[in-house]
């Protein structure tokens, strides 16, 4: 399925709205040293975000997070964030919701 382009306005609003999550998430991801810990950190950050703000906001957050990690000098981690399988996070979020209901 082709990805939808994210508008500049959505990115600007997201940058302000998710400032805390972006700072914390990019720091956590940038501190990883091994591919296994990188993937775990990405999954953890995206899962926490989706639980707080919902899966519908994940696209904007993911791109903003990748940009923040790039600014920290880690283009490989930014690429990993963009390529991370969102289905895992989406499924985990649905499971969390159904378990709490």
PDB file of N, CA and C in Angstrom:
ATOM      1  N   UNK A   1       0.843  -1.171   0.000  1.00  0.00           N
ATOM      2  CA  UNK A   1       0.000   0.000   0.000  1.00  0.00           C
ATOM      3  C   UNK A   1       0.894   1.242   0.000  1.00  0.00           C
ATOM      4  N   UNK A   2       0.662   2.220  -0.910  1.00  0.00           N
ATOM      5  CA  UNK A   2       1.487   3.415  -0.956  1.00  0.00           C
ATOM      6  C   UNK A   2       1.278   4.275   0.282  1.00  0.00           C
ATOM      7  N   UNK A   3       2.369   4.906   0.682  1.00  0.00           N
ATOM      8  CA  UNK A   3       2.280   5.778   1.848  1.00  0.00           C
ATOM      9  C   UNK A   3       1.672   7.115   1.450  1.00  0.00           C
ATOM     10  N   UNK A   4       0.875   7.687   2.350  1.00  0.00           N
ATOM     11  CA  UNK A   4       0.308   9.006   2.124  1.00  0.00           C
ATOM     12  C   UNK A   4       1.367  10.042   2.484  1.00  0.00           C
ATOM     13  N   UNK A   5       1.408  11.118   1.710  1.00  0.00           N
ATOM     14  CA  UNK A   5       2.303  12.219   2.031  1.00  0.00           C
ATOM     15  C   UNK A   5       1.749  12.945   3.267  1.00  0.00           C
ATOM     16  N   UNK A   6       2.660  13.364   4.101  1.00  0.00           N
ATOM     17  CA  UNK A   6       2.261  14.074   5.321  1.00  0.00           C
ATOM     18  C   UNK A   6       2.418  15.563   5.054  1.00  0.00           C
ATOM     19  N   UNK A   7       1.373  16.332   5.285  1.00  0.00           N
ATOM     20  CA  UNK A   7       1.416  17.767   4.999  1.00  0.00           C
ATOM     21  C   UNK A   7       2.361  18.488   5.960  1.00  0.00           C
ATOM     22  N   UNK A   8       2.838  19.608   5.495  1.00  0.00           N
ATOM     23  CA  UNK A   8       3.710  20.440   6.323  1.00  0.00           C
ATOM     24  C   UNK A   8       2.997  20.931   7.570  1.00  0.00           C
ATOM     25  N   UNK A   9       1.714  21.218   7.430  1.00  0.00           N
ATOM     26  CA  UNK A   9       0.934  21.684   8.584  1.00  0.00           C
ATOM     27  C   UNK A   9       0.819  20.591   9.638  1.00  0.00           C
ATOM     28  N   UNK A  10       0.570  19.357   9.191  1.00  0.00           N
ATOM     29  CA  UNK A  10       0.470  18.238  10.138  1.00  0.00           C
ATOM     30  C   UNK A  10       1.799  18.025  10.849  1.00  0.00           C
ATOM     31  N   UNK A  11       2.892  18.179  10.119  1.00  0.00           N
ATOM     32  CA  UNK A  11       4.220  18.009  10.721  1.00  0.00           C
ATOM     33  C   UNK A  11       4.476  19.111  11.755  1.00  0.00           C
ATOM     34  N   UNK A  12       4.110  20.335  11.433  1.00  0.00           N
ATOM     35  CA  UNK A  12       4.328  21.452  12.358  1.00  0.00           C
ATOM     36  C   UNK A  12       3.521  21.279  13.636  1.00  0.00           C
ATOM     37  N   UNK A  13       2.261  20.907  13.480  1.00  0.00           N
ATOM     38  CA  UNK A  13       1.409  20.687  14.658  1.00  0.00           C
ATOM     39  C   UNK A  13       1.942  19.512  15.472  1.00  0.00           C
ATOM     40  N   UNK A  14       2.318  18.441  14.798  1.00  0.00           N
ATOM     41  CA  UNK A  14       2.854  17.269  15.492  1.00  0.00           C
ATOM     42  C   UNK A  14       4.130  17.565  16.246  1.00  0.00           C
ATOM     43  N   UNK A  15       5.001  18.380  15.645  1.00  0.00           N
ATOM     44  CA  UNK A  15       6.278  18.713  16.298  1.00  0.00           C
ATOM     45  C   UNK A  15       6.033  19.397  17.645  1.00  0.00           C
ATOM     46  N   UNK A  16       5.041  20.267  17.693  1.00  0.00           N
ATOM     47  CA  UNK A  16       4.715  20.975  18.939  1.00  0.00           C
ATOM     48  C   UNK A  16       3.960  20.052  19.898  1.00  0.00           C
ATOM     49  N   UNK A  17       2.982  19.342  19.375  1.00  0.00           N
ATOM     50  CA  UNK A  17       2.117  18.497  20.197  1.00  0.00           C
ATOM     51  C   UNK A  17       2.889  17.351  20.854  1.00  0.00           C
ATOM     52  N   UNK A  18       3.813  16.758  20.109  1.00  0.00           N
ATOM     53  CA  UNK A  18       4.519  15.574  20.590  1.00  0.00           C
ATOM     54  C   UNK A  18       5.955  15.866  21.003  1.00  0.00           C
ATOM     55  N   UNK A  19       6.236  17.102  21.372  1.00  0.00           N
ATOM     56  CA  UNK A  19       7.591  17.537  21.706  1.00  0.00           C
ATOM     57  C   UNK A  19       8.243  16.648  22.768  1.00  0.00           C
ATOM     58  N   UNK A  20       7.545  16.371  23.826  1.00  0.00           N
ATOM     59  CA  UNK A  20       8.099  15.560  24.913  1.00  0.00           C
ATOM     60  C   UNK A  20       8.398  14.141  24.435  1.00  0.00           C
ATOM     61  N   UNK A  21       7.442  13.528  23.739  1.00  0.00           N
ATOM     62  CA  UNK A  21       7.633  12.162  23.253  1.00  0.00           C
ATOM     63  C   UNK A  21       8.767  12.086  22.232  1.00  0.00           C
ATOM     64  N   UNK A  22       8.915  13.129  21.403  1.00  0.00           N
ATOM     65  CA  UNK A  22       9.998  13.157  20.422  1.00  0.00           C
ATOM     66  C   UNK A  22      11.361  13.263  21.106  1.00  0.00           C
ATOM     67  N   UNK A  23      11.466  14.118  22.096  1.00  0.00           N
ATOM     68  CA  UNK A  23      12.742  14.274  22.800  1.00  0.00           C
ATOM     69  C   UNK A  23      13.120  12.986  23.522  1.00  0.00           C
ATOM     70  N   UNK A  24      12.178  12.428  24.227  1.00  0.00           N
ATOM     71  CA  UNK A  24      12.449  11.206  24.980  1.00  0.00           C
ATOM     72  C   UNK A  24      12.727  10.031  24.042  1.00  0.00           C
ATOM     73  N   UNK A  25      11.911   9.880  23.015  1.00  0.00           N
ATOM     74  CA  UNK A  25      12.064   8.764  22.084  1.00  0.00           C
ATOM     75  C   UNK A  25      13.346   8.841  21.284  1.00  0.00           C
ATOM     76  N   UNK A  26      13.672  10.024  20.777  1.00  0.00           N
ATOM     77  CA  UNK A  26      14.896  10.149  19.984  1.00  0.00           C
ATOM     78  C   UNK A  26      16.134   9.932  20.838  1.00  0.00           C
ATOM     79  N   UNK A  27      16.099  10.362  22.085  1.00  0.00           N
ATOM     80  CA  UNK A  27      17.210  10.117  22.993  1.00  0.00           C
ATOM     81  C   UNK A  27      17.377   8.624  23.270  1.00  0.00           C
ATOM     82  N   UNK A  28      16.277   7.962  23.534  1.00  0.00           N
ATOM     83  CA  UNK A  28      16.300   6.527  23.822  1.00  0.00           C
ATOM     84  C   UNK A  28      16.841   5.750  22.618  1.00  0.00           C
ATOM     85  N   UNK A  29      16.353   6.068  21.436  1.00  0.00           N
ATOM     86  CA  UNK A  29      16.780   5.364  20.227  1.00  0.00           C
ATOM     87  C   UNK A  29      18.234   5.683  19.892  1.00  0.00           C
ATOM     88  N   UNK A  30      18.625   6.942  20.032  1.00  0.00           N
ATOM     89  CA  UNK A  30      20.001   7.330  19.719  1.00  0.00           C
ATOM     90  C   UNK A  30      21.025   6.704  20.671  1.00  0.00           C
ATOM     91  N   UNK A  31      20.576   6.306  21.836  1.00  0.00           N
ATOM     92  CA  UNK A  31      21.508   5.724  22.813  1.00  0.00           C
ATOM     93  C   UNK A  31      21.784   4.239  22.568  1.00  0.00           C
ATOM     94  N   UNK A  32      21.080   3.634  21.621  1.00  0.00           N
ATOM     95  CA  UNK A  32      21.285   2.210  21.362  1.00  0.00           C
ATOM     96  C   UNK A  32      22.572   2.000  20.576  1.00  0.00           C
ATOM     97  N   UNK A  33      23.194   0.827  20.779  1.00  0.00           N
ATOM     98  CA  UNK A  33      24.464   0.544  20.112  1.00  0.00           C
ATOM     99  C   UNK A  33      24.403  -0.677  19.202  1.00  0.00           C
ATOM    100  N   UNK A  34      23.454  -1.559  19.417  1.00  0.00           N
ATOM    101  CA  UNK A  34      23.364  -2.799  18.646  1.00  0.00           C
ATOM    102  C   UNK A  34      22.053  -2.824  17.868  1.00  0.00           C
ATOM    103  N   UNK A  35      22.029  -3.519  16.717  1.00  0.00           N
ATOM    104  CA  UNK A  35      20.782  -3.596  15.940  1.00  0.00           C
ATOM    105  C   UNK A  35      19.613  -4.170  16.737  1.00  0.00           C
ATOM    106  N   UNK A  36      19.870  -5.158  17.574  1.00  0.00           N
ATOM    107  CA  UNK A  36      18.787  -5.756  18.363  1.00  0.00           C
ATOM    108  C   UNK A  36      18.195  -4.742  19.339  1.00  0.00           C
ATOM    109  N   UNK A  37      19.063  -3.979  19.987  1.00  0.00           N
ATOM    110  CA  UNK A  37      18.558  -2.994  20.937  1.00  0.00           C
ATOM    111  C   UNK A  37      17.905  -1.826  20.210  1.00  0.00           C
ATOM    112  N   UNK A  38      18.379  -1.516  18.999  1.00  0.00           N
ATOM    113  CA  UNK A  38      17.752  -0.460  18.209  1.00  0.00           C
ATOM    114  C   UNK A  38      16.319  -0.834  17.869  1.00  0.00           C
ATOM    115  N   UNK A  39      16.123  -2.032  17.358  1.00  0.00           N
ATOM    116  CA  UNK A  39      14.766  -2.472  17.007  1.00  0.00           C
ATOM    117  C   UNK A  39      13.863  -2.511  18.227  1.00  0.00           C
ATOM    118  N   UNK A  40      14.384  -2.964  19.347  1.00  0.00           N
ATOM    119  CA  UNK A  40      13.594  -2.999  20.581  1.00  0.00           C
ATOM    120  C   UNK A  40      13.227  -1.571  21.014  1.00  0.00           C
ATOM    121  N   UNK A  41      14.176  -0.654  20.934  1.00  0.00           N
ATOM    122  CA  UNK A  41      13.919   0.730  21.340  1.00  0.00           C
ATOM    123  C   UNK A  41      12.867   1.376  20.441  1.00  0.00           C
ATOM    124  N   UNK A  42      12.960   1.132  19.125  1.00  0.00           N
ATOM    125  CA  UNK A  42      11.970   1.686  18.194  1.00  0.00           C
ATOM    126  C   UNK A  42      10.580   1.143  18.528  1.00  0.00           C
ATOM    127  N   UNK A  43      10.495  -0.161  18.714  1.00  0.00           N
ATOM    128  CA  UNK A  43       9.204  -0.784  19.039  1.00  0.00           C
ATOM    129  C   UNK A  43       8.635  -0.200  20.333  1.00  0.00           C
ATOM    130  N   UNK A  44       9.489  -0.038  21.318  1.00  0.00           N
ATOM    131  CA  UNK A  44       9.054   0.483  22.610  1.00  0.00           C
ATOM    132  C   UNK A  44       8.533   1.916  22.482  1.00  0.00           C
ATOM    133  N   UNK A  45       9.269   2.764  21.772  1.00  0.00           N
ATOM    134  CA  UNK A  45       8.870   4.164  21.619  1.00  0.00           C
ATOM    135  C   UNK A  45       7.555   4.268  20.838  1.00  0.00           C
ATOM    136  N   UNK A  46       7.448   3.526  19.744  1.00  0.00           N
ATOM    137  CA  UNK A  46       6.219   3.586  18.941  1.00  0.00           C
ATOM    138  C   UNK A  46       5.021   3.007  19.684  1.00  0.00           C
ATOM    139  N   UNK A  47       5.245   1.963  20.448  1.00  0.00           N
ATOM    140  CA  UNK A  47       4.155   1.361  21.228  1.00  0.00           C
ATOM    141  C   UNK A  47       3.657   2.332  22.307  1.00  0.00           C
ATOM    142  N   UNK A  48       4.594   2.937  23.032  1.00  0.00           N
ATOM    143  CA  UNK A  48       4.198   3.893  24.069  1.00  0.00           C
ATOM    144  C   UNK A  48       3.440   5.067  23.464  1.00  0.00           C
ATOM    145  N   UNK A  49       3.935   5.549  22.327  1.00  0.00           N
ATOM    146  CA  UNK A  49       3.258   6.657  21.672  1.00  0.00           C
ATOM    147  C   UNK A  49       1.842   6.278  21.256  1.00  0.00           C
ATOM    148  N   UNK A  50       1.700   5.116  20.627  1.00  0.00           N
ATOM    149  CA  UNK A  50       0.374   4.710  20.151  1.00  0.00           C
ATOM    150  C   UNK A  50      -0.597   4.491  21.309  1.00  0.00           C
ATOM    151  N   UNK A  51      -0.095   4.075  22.461  1.00  0.00           N
ATOM    152  CA  UNK A  51      -0.969   3.925  23.620  1.00  0.00           C
ATOM    153  C   UNK A  51      -1.419   5.275  24.154  1.00  0.00           C
ATOM    154  N   UNK A  52      -0.539   6.278  24.068  1.00  0.00           N
ATOM    155  CA  UNK A  52      -0.885   7.618  24.559  1.00  0.00           C
ATOM    156  C   UNK A  52      -1.763   8.404  23.587  1.00  0.00           C
ATOM    157  N   UNK A  53      -1.448   8.312  22.299  1.00  0.00           N
ATOM    158  CA  UNK A  53      -2.071   9.198  21.322  1.00  0.00           C
ATOM    159  C   UNK A  53      -2.872   8.486  20.234  1.00  0.00           C
ATOM    160  N   UNK A  54      -2.827   7.178  20.216  1.00  0.00           N
ATOM    161  CA  UNK A  54      -3.561   6.422  19.213  1.00  0.00           C
ATOM    162  C   UNK A  54      -2.745   6.134  17.967  1.00  0.00           C
ATOM    163  N   UNK A  55      -3.167   5.121  17.272  1.00  0.00           N
ATOM    164  CA  UNK A  55      -2.460   4.657  16.082  1.00  0.00           C
ATOM    165  C   UNK A  55      -2.599   5.662  14.937  1.00  0.00           C
ATOM    166  N   UNK A  56      -3.694   6.404  14.903  1.00  0.00           N
ATOM    167  CA  UNK A  56      -3.918   7.342  13.796  1.00  0.00           C
ATOM    168  C   UNK A  56      -2.858   8.435  13.732  1.00  0.00           C
ATOM    169  N   UNK A  57      -2.222   8.774  14.835  1.00  0.00           N
ATOM    170  CA  UNK A  57      -1.199   9.817  14.873  1.00  0.00           C
ATOM    171  C   UNK A  57       0.207   9.261  14.642  1.00  0.00           C
ATOM    172  N   UNK A  58       0.320   7.968  14.478  1.00  0.00           N
ATOM    173  CA  UNK A  58       1.626   7.314  14.395  1.00  0.00           C
ATOM    174  C   UNK A  58       2.429   7.719  13.164  1.00  0.00           C
ATOM    175  N   UNK A  59       1.777   7.956  12.029  1.00  0.00           N
ATOM    176  CA  UNK A  59       2.500   8.315  10.807  1.00  0.00           C
ATOM    177  C   UNK A  59       3.288   9.607  10.961  1.00  0.00           C
ATOM    178  N   UNK A  60       2.645  10.632  11.480  1.00  0.00           N
ATOM    179  CA  UNK A  60       3.309  11.918  11.701  1.00  0.00           C
ATOM    180  C   UNK A  60       4.417  11.750  12.731  1.00  0.00           C
ATOM    181  N   UNK A  61       4.106  11.082  13.829  1.00  0.00           N
ATOM    182  CA  UNK A  61       5.108  10.909  14.879  1.00  0.00           C
ATOM    183  C   UNK A  61       6.322  10.145  14.369  1.00  0.00           C
ATOM    184  N   UNK A  62       6.096   9.087  13.608  1.00  0.00           N
ATOM    185  CA  UNK A  62       7.204   8.276  13.090  1.00  0.00           C
ATOM    186  C   UNK A  62       8.158   9.128  12.249  1.00  0.00           C
ATOM    187  N   UNK A  63       7.605   9.955  11.366  1.00  0.00           N
ATOM    188  CA  UNK A  63       8.466  10.794  10.526  1.00  0.00           C
ATOM    189  C   UNK A  63       9.190  11.844  11.357  1.00  0.00           C
ATOM    190  N   UNK A  64       8.495  12.454  12.297  1.00  0.00           N
ATOM    191  CA  UNK A  64       9.144  13.436  13.171  1.00  0.00           C
ATOM    192  C   UNK A  64      10.244  12.783  14.012  1.00  0.00           C
ATOM    193  N   UNK A  65       9.995  11.581  14.475  1.00  0.00           N
ATOM    194  CA  UNK A  65      10.990  10.846  15.256  1.00  0.00           C
ATOM    195  C   UNK A  65      12.219  10.543  14.403  1.00  0.00           C
ATOM    196  N   UNK A  66      11.997  10.103  13.173  1.00  0.00           N
ATOM    197  CA  UNK A  66      13.114   9.829  12.262  1.00  0.00           C
ATOM    198  C   UNK A  66      13.927  11.102  12.024  1.00  0.00           C
ATOM    199  N   UNK A  67      13.259  12.218  11.834  1.00  0.00           N
ATOM    200  CA  UNK A  67      13.965  13.485  11.633  1.00  0.00           C
ATOM    201  C   UNK A  67      14.773  13.873  12.866  1.00  0.00           C
ATOM    202  N   UNK A  68      14.189  13.661  14.042  1.00  0.00           N
ATOM    203  CA  UNK A  68      14.890  13.997  15.284  1.00  0.00           C
ATOM    204  C   UNK A  68      16.139  13.137  15.467  1.00  0.00           C
ATOM    205  N   UNK A  69      16.033  11.866  15.118  1.00  0.00           N
ATOM    206  CA  UNK A  69      17.186  10.965  15.238  1.00  0.00           C
ATOM    207  C   UNK A  69      18.252  11.338  14.201  1.00  0.00           C
ATOM    208  N   UNK A  70      17.827  11.731  13.006  1.00  0.00           N
ATOM    209  CA  UNK A  70      18.782  12.206  11.993  1.00  0.00           C
ATOM    210  C   UNK A  70      19.543  13.425  12.500  1.00  0.00           C
ATOM    211  N   UNK A  71      18.832  14.339  13.140  1.00  0.00           N
ATOM    212  CA  UNK A  71      19.464  15.544  13.683  1.00  0.00           C
ATOM    213  C   UNK A  71      20.476  15.206  14.776  1.00  0.00           C
ATOM    214  N   UNK A  72      20.300  14.060  15.407  1.00  0.00           N
ATOM    215  CA  UNK A  72      21.257  13.596  16.413  1.00  0.00           C
ATOM    216  C   UNK A  72      22.438  12.877  15.768  1.00  0.00           C
ATOM    217  N   UNK A  73      22.462  12.857  14.432  1.00  0.00           N
ATOM    218  CA  UNK A  73      23.590  12.293  13.717  1.00  0.00           C
ATOM    219  C   UNK A  73      23.529  10.802  13.473  1.00  0.00           C
ATOM    220  N   UNK A  74      22.319  10.223  13.461  1.00  0.00           N
ATOM    221  CA  UNK A  74      22.201   8.785  13.270  1.00  0.00           C
ATOM    222  C   UNK A  74      21.234   8.474  12.120  1.00  0.00           C
ATOM    223  N   UNK A  75      21.711   8.629  10.866  1.00  0.00           N
ATOM    224  CA  UNK A  75      20.821   8.380   9.727  1.00  0.00           C
ATOM    225  C   UNK A  75      20.406   6.914   9.597  1.00  0.00           C
ATOM    226  N   UNK A  76      21.232   5.985  10.066  1.00  0.00           N
ATOM    227  CA  UNK A  76      20.857   4.569   9.999  1.00  0.00           C
ATOM    228  C   UNK A  76      19.660   4.275  10.897  1.00  0.00           C
ATOM    229  N   UNK A  77      19.648   4.846  12.093  1.00  0.00           N
ATOM    230  CA  UNK A  77      18.512   4.650  12.996  1.00  0.00           C
ATOM    231  C   UNK A  77      17.269   5.329  12.428  1.00  0.00           C
ATOM    232  N   UNK A  78      17.435   6.485  11.789  1.00  0.00           N
ATOM    233  CA  UNK A  78      16.288   7.170  11.175  1.00  0.00           C
ATOM    234  C   UNK A  78      15.682   6.302  10.077  1.00  0.00           C
ATOM    235  N   UNK A  79      16.535   5.682   9.294  1.00  0.00           N
ATOM    236  CA  UNK A  79      16.063   4.778   8.246  1.00  0.00           C
ATOM    237  C   UNK A  79      15.333   3.582   8.851  1.00  0.00           C
ATOM    238  N   UNK A  80      15.858   3.061   9.962  1.00  0.00           N
ATOM    239  CA  UNK A  80      15.220   1.929  10.640  1.00  0.00           C
ATOM    240  C   UNK A  80      13.839   2.321  11.167  1.00  0.00           C
ATOM    241  N   UNK A  81      13.701   3.540  11.655  1.00  0.00           N
ATOM    242  CA  UNK A  81      12.406   4.016  12.149  1.00  0.00           C
ATOM    243  C   UNK A  81      11.402   4.077  11.002  1.00  0.00           C
ATOM    244  N   UNK A  82      11.829   4.644   9.893  1.00  0.00           N
ATOM    245  CA  UNK A  82      10.931   4.765   8.740  1.00  0.00           C
ATOM    246  C   UNK A  82      10.529   3.406   8.184  1.00  0.00           C
ATOM    247  N   UNK A  83      11.433   2.433   8.286  1.00  0.00           N
ATOM    248  CA  UNK A  83      11.158   1.113   7.740  1.00  0.00           C
ATOM    249  C   UNK A  83      10.581   0.129   8.728  1.00  0.00           C
ATOM    250  N   UNK A  84      10.430   0.542   9.971  1.00  0.00           N
ATOM    251  CA  UNK A  84       9.929  -0.359  11.005  1.00  0.00           C
ATOM    252  C   UNK A  84       8.514  -0.787  10.672  1.00  0.00           C
ATOM    253  N   UNK A  85       8.230  -2.060  10.805  1.00  0.00           N
ATOM    254  CA  UNK A  85       6.900  -2.586  10.471  1.00  0.00           C
ATOM    255  C   UNK A  85       5.862  -2.070  11.456  1.00  0.00           C
ATOM    256  N   UNK A  86       5.034  -1.161  10.990  1.00  0.00           N
ATOM    257  CA  UNK A  86       4.011  -0.575  11.863  1.00  0.00           C
ATOM    258  C   UNK A  86       2.939  -1.572  12.234  1.00  0.00           C
ATOM    259  N   UNK A  87       2.813  -2.668  11.455  1.00  0.00           N
ATOM    260  CA  UNK A  87       1.786  -3.658  11.777  1.00  0.00           C
ATOM    261  C   UNK A  87       1.987  -4.206  13.192  1.00  0.00           C
ATOM    262  N   UNK A  88       3.254  -4.376  13.582  1.00  0.00           N
ATOM    263  CA  UNK A  88       3.516  -4.887  14.934  1.00  0.00           C
ATOM    264  C   UNK A  88       2.951  -3.941  15.978  1.00  0.00           C
ATOM    265  N   UNK A  89       3.207  -2.667  15.815  1.00  0.00           N
ATOM    266  CA  UNK A  89       2.722  -1.681  16.780  1.00  0.00           C
ATOM    267  C   UNK A  89       1.209  -1.618  16.728  1.00  0.00           C
ATOM    268  N   UNK A  90       0.634  -1.612  15.508  1.00  0.00           N
ATOM    269  CA  UNK A  90      -0.817  -1.560  15.374  1.00  0.00           C
ATOM    270  C   UNK A  90      -1.469  -2.756  16.041  1.00  0.00           C
ATOM    271  N   UNK A  91      -0.921  -3.954  15.819  1.00  0.00           N
ATOM    272  CA  UNK A  91      -1.487  -5.162  16.423  1.00  0.00           C
ATOM    273  C   UNK A  91      -1.340  -5.123  17.935  1.00  0.00           C
ATOM    274  N   UNK A  92      -0.167  -4.701  18.420  1.00  0.00           N
ATOM    275  CA  UNK A  92       0.050  -4.621  19.861  1.00  0.00           C
ATOM    276  C   UNK A  92      -0.918  -3.632  20.496  1.00  0.00           C
ATOM    277  N   UNK A  93      -1.174  -2.521  19.812  1.00  0.00           N
ATOM    278  CA  UNK A  93      -2.094  -1.517  20.344  1.00  0.00           C
ATOM    279  C   UNK A  93      -3.512  -2.067  20.423  1.00  0.00           C
ATOM    280  N   UNK A  94      -3.924  -2.774  19.369  1.00  0.00           N
ATOM    281  CA  UNK A  94      -5.266  -3.363  19.399  1.00  0.00           C
ATOM    282  C   UNK A  94      -5.372  -4.404  20.504  1.00  0.00           C
ATOM    283  N   UNK A  95      -4.298  -5.197  20.678  1.00  0.00           N
ATOM    284  CA  UNK A  95      -4.317  -6.205  21.749  1.00  0.00           C
ATOM    285  C   UNK A  95      -4.426  -5.539  23.100  1.00  0.00           C
ATOM    286  N   UNK A  96      -3.706  -4.429  23.297  1.00  0.00           N
ATOM    287  CA  UNK A  96      -3.769  -3.728  24.581  1.00  0.00           C
ATOM    288  C   UNK A  96      -5.156  -3.208  24.864  1.00  0.00           C
ATOM    289  N   UNK A  97      -5.800  -2.664  23.812  1.00  0.00           N
ATOM    290  CA  UNK A  97      -7.147  -2.129  23.974  1.00  0.00           C
ATOM    291  C   UNK A  97      -8.123  -3.250  24.291  1.00  0.00           C
ATOM    292  N   UNK A  98      -8.031  -4.374  23.557  1.00  0.00           N
ATOM    293  CA  UNK A  98      -8.983  -5.456  23.773  1.00  0.00           C
ATOM    294  C   UNK A  98      -8.773  -6.106  25.135  1.00  0.00           C
ATOM    295  N   UNK A  99      -7.541  -6.136  25.633  1.00  0.00           N
ATOM    296  CA  UNK A  99      -7.289  -6.731  26.949  1.00  0.00           C
ATOM    297  C   UNK A  99      -7.825  -5.840  28.071  1.00  0.00           C
ATOM    298  N   UNK A 100      -7.799  -4.509  27.842  1.00  0.00           N
ATOM    299  CA  UNK A 100      -8.267  -3.619  28.890  1.00  0.00           C
ATOM    300  C   UNK A 100      -9.779  -3.450  28.886  1.00  0.00           C
ATOM    301  N   UNK A 101     -10.419  -3.882  27.805  1.00  0.00           N
ATOM    302  CA  UNK A 101     -11.879  -3.712  27.708  1.00  0.00           C
ATOM    303  C   UNK A 101     -12.615  -4.778  28.496  1.00  0.00           C
TER     304      UNK A 101
END
